[in-house]
């Protein structure tokens, strides 16, 4: 859902890069789970707001700059049960990771390893015999069948 990018000030506030549709969308969730050293830890959001082009937040248990600095690069998640259901033709990134990607000719291109947010369109990072970056746009992604675990794309095997 986001990543802590740096401390903000000296009182434990952090700068956050949100992966939500709107910058302040992450503030809709009162509890964030932060990943550190392979383990997830619950942190209550005490305050947060958009500050210019930044999202900033103050988290329970983070009271000074040193504690905020220790969170640099930390991934932010929320419980899946707290997320609203995805709409028709909408997908959470987590639902796409691990799906097999097959083109219209039937060639298996690999599986979705991750996604990139580029500013214009999201991009599937597909790992197969080589890495492919496939734009997640309707002209390219023809069908997502989560039940079958397959994404069908209009993408050449030689691209």
Protein backbone atom coordinates (compact mmCIF):
# COMPACT_ATOMS: atom_id res chain seq x y z
CA UNK A 1 0.00 0.00 0.00
CA UNK A 2 3.00 2.28 0.47
CA UNK A 3 6.56 2.76 1.66
CA UNK A 4 8.14 5.01 4.24
CA UNK A 5 10.70 7.11 2.43
CA UNK A 6 12.29 9.36 5.08
CA UNK A 7 11.78 11.06 8.43
CA UNK A 8 9.91 14.37 8.47
CA UNK A 9 11.02 16.76 11.17
CA UNK A 10 12.34 15.80 14.59
CA UNK A 11 9.19 14.50 16.35
CA UNK A 12 8.87 11.09 14.72
CA UNK A 13 6.83 11.95 11.65
CA UNK A 14 7.62 10.04 8.44
CA UNK A 15 7.30 10.79 4.74
CA UNK A 16 5.26 8.16 2.92
CA UNK A 17 5.10 7.17 -0.73
CA UNK A 18 1.51 5.88 -1.05
CA UNK A 19 0.57 3.35 -3.74
CA UNK A 20 -3.12 4.22 -3.39
CA UNK A 21 -5.24 5.99 -6.03
CA UNK A 22 -5.10 9.23 -4.07
CA UNK A 23 -2.14 10.35 -2.00
CA UNK A 24 -4.17 10.49 1.21
CA UNK A 25 -6.00 7.19 0.56
CA UNK A 26 -3.64 5.36 2.90
CA UNK A 27 -4.89 7.52 5.76
CA UNK A 28 -8.29 5.78 5.47
CA UNK A 29 -6.71 2.89 7.38
CA UNK A 30 -6.08 3.54 11.09
CA UNK A 31 -3.64 0.63 11.43
CA UNK A 32 -0.63 0.03 9.20
CA UNK A 33 1.51 -3.09 9.16
CA UNK A 34 5.20 -2.32 8.66
CA UNK A 35 7.65 -4.92 7.39
CA UNK A 36 11.06 -4.97 9.08
CA UNK A 37 13.59 -7.78 8.87
CA UNK A 38 11.05 -10.16 7.36
CA UNK A 39 8.44 -9.64 10.10
CA UNK A 40 5.31 -7.49 10.06
CA UNK A 41 4.55 -5.17 12.98
CA UNK A 42 1.30 -3.33 13.68
CA UNK A 43 1.42 0.46 14.07
CA UNK A 44 -1.56 2.69 14.78
CA UNK A 45 -1.65 5.91 12.75
CA UNK A 46 -1.93 8.79 15.21
CA UNK A 47 -1.99 11.63 12.68
CA UNK A 48 -1.44 12.13 8.99
CA UNK A 49 -1.99 14.58 6.19
CA UNK A 50 -0.91 15.71 2.78
CA UNK A 51 1.87 18.26 3.09
CA UNK A 52 2.51 19.80 -0.34
CA UNK A 53 3.41 16.87 -2.59
CA UNK A 54 4.09 14.55 0.35
CA UNK A 55 2.03 12.32 2.58
CA UNK A 56 3.28 12.56 6.15
CA UNK A 57 2.23 10.51 9.16
CA UNK A 58 2.91 10.08 12.84
CA UNK A 59 2.81 6.50 14.07
CA UNK A 60 2.35 5.06 17.53
CA UNK A 61 5.71 4.15 19.07
CA UNK A 62 7.70 6.44 16.75
CA UNK A 63 8.44 9.54 18.81
CA UNK A 64 11.68 11.02 17.48
CA UNK A 65 13.75 11.44 14.33
CA UNK A 66 15.97 8.43 15.09
CA UNK A 67 12.96 6.13 15.35
CA UNK A 68 11.57 7.59 12.12
CA UNK A 69 14.94 7.13 10.35
CA UNK A 70 14.95 3.46 11.37
CA UNK A 71 11.79 3.02 9.27
CA UNK A 72 13.32 4.31 6.00
CA UNK A 73 12.41 1.97 3.14
CA UNK A 74 9.84 0.07 5.21
CA UNK A 75 6.88 -1.34 3.27
CA UNK A 76 3.38 -0.50 4.48
CA UNK A 77 0.46 -2.93 4.26
CA UNK A 78 -3.06 -3.13 5.60
CA UNK A 79 -5.12 -6.21 6.33
CA UNK A 80 -6.85 -7.56 3.22
CA UNK A 81 -10.13 -7.75 5.16
CA UNK A 82 -10.04 -3.92 5.52
CA UNK A 83 -9.81 -3.25 1.79
CA UNK A 84 -12.98 -2.56 -0.18
CA UNK A 85 -13.87 -5.16 -2.80
CA UNK A 86 -12.33 -4.46 -6.19
CA UNK A 87 -14.75 -3.30 -8.87
CA UNK A 88 -15.42 -4.89 -12.23
CA UNK A 89 -12.16 -4.88 -14.20
CA UNK A 90 -10.19 -3.64 -11.19
CA UNK A 91 -7.52 -5.64 -9.42
CA UNK A 92 -5.34 -5.31 -6.39
CA UNK A 93 -1.71 -5.78 -7.37
CA UNK A 94 -1.42 -8.63 -4.92
CA UNK A 95 -4.13 -10.50 -6.88
CA UNK A 96 -2.02 -10.34 -10.05
CA UNK A 97 1.32 -11.45 -8.61
CA UNK A 98 1.96 -15.10 -9.40
CA UNK A 99 -0.51 -15.31 -12.30
CA UNK A 100 0.71 -16.94 -15.52
CA UNK A 101 0.90 -14.62 -18.54
CA UNK A 102 -0.02 -16.10 -21.92
CA UNK A 103 -0.21 -14.26 -25.24
CA UNK A 104 -2.90 -14.63 -27.90
CA UNK A 105 -0.72 -17.13 -29.81
CA UNK A 106 -0.72 -19.38 -26.74
CA UNK A 107 2.92 -18.76 -25.80
CA UNK A 108 3.56 -18.66 -22.05
CA UNK A 109 5.57 -15.52 -21.31
CA UNK A 110 6.14 -16.22 -17.59
CA UNK A 111 4.49 -15.22 -14.34
CA UNK A 112 3.82 -11.81 -12.81
CA UNK A 113 6.61 -11.12 -10.33
CA UNK A 114 5.65 -7.55 -9.41
CA UNK A 115 4.17 -4.36 -10.82
CA UNK A 116 5.62 -0.93 -11.45
CA UNK A 117 3.80 2.35 -11.09
CA UNK A 118 5.19 4.60 -13.83
CA UNK A 119 2.93 7.62 -13.56
CA UNK A 120 1.22 6.94 -16.89
CA UNK A 121 0.21 3.28 -16.60
CA UNK A 122 1.00 0.37 -14.35
CA UNK A 123 3.42 -2.20 -15.76
CA UNK A 124 3.48 -5.96 -15.17
CA UNK A 125 6.97 -7.31 -14.43
CA UNK A 126 6.83 -10.80 -15.93
CA UNK A 127 9.57 -13.33 -15.17
CA UNK A 128 10.01 -16.19 -17.63
CA UNK A 129 12.99 -17.20 -19.73
CA UNK A 130 13.71 -13.47 -19.48
CA UNK A 131 12.12 -10.47 -17.81
CA UNK A 132 9.36 -8.66 -19.70
CA UNK A 133 7.75 -5.34 -18.85
CA UNK A 134 4.15 -5.39 -20.11
CA UNK A 135 1.93 -2.31 -19.79
CA UNK A 136 -1.29 -3.00 -17.88
CA UNK A 137 -3.61 -1.29 -20.37
CA UNK A 138 -6.77 -2.62 -22.01
CA UNK A 139 -5.15 -2.71 -25.47
CA UNK A 140 -2.55 -5.17 -24.15
CA UNK A 141 -4.19 -6.99 -21.23
CA UNK A 142 -7.19 -8.72 -22.79
CA UNK A 143 -8.36 -10.87 -19.90
CA UNK A 144 -7.52 -11.55 -16.26
CA UNK A 145 -8.86 -14.90 -15.05
CA UNK A 146 -7.95 -15.02 -11.37
CA UNK A 147 -9.73 -18.36 -10.90
CA UNK A 148 -7.64 -20.00 -13.63
CA UNK A 149 -4.51 -18.05 -12.62
CA UNK A 150 -3.97 -16.63 -16.13
CA UNK A 151 -3.61 -13.23 -17.72
CA UNK A 152 -4.10 -13.20 -21.51
CA UNK A 153 -2.20 -10.47 -23.36
CA UNK A 154 -1.70 -9.09 -26.84
CA UNK A 155 2.11 -9.18 -26.62
CA UNK A 156 4.61 -10.87 -28.87
CA UNK A 157 6.94 -13.49 -27.44
CA UNK A 158 9.80 -11.62 -29.13
CA UNK A 159 8.96 -8.22 -27.56
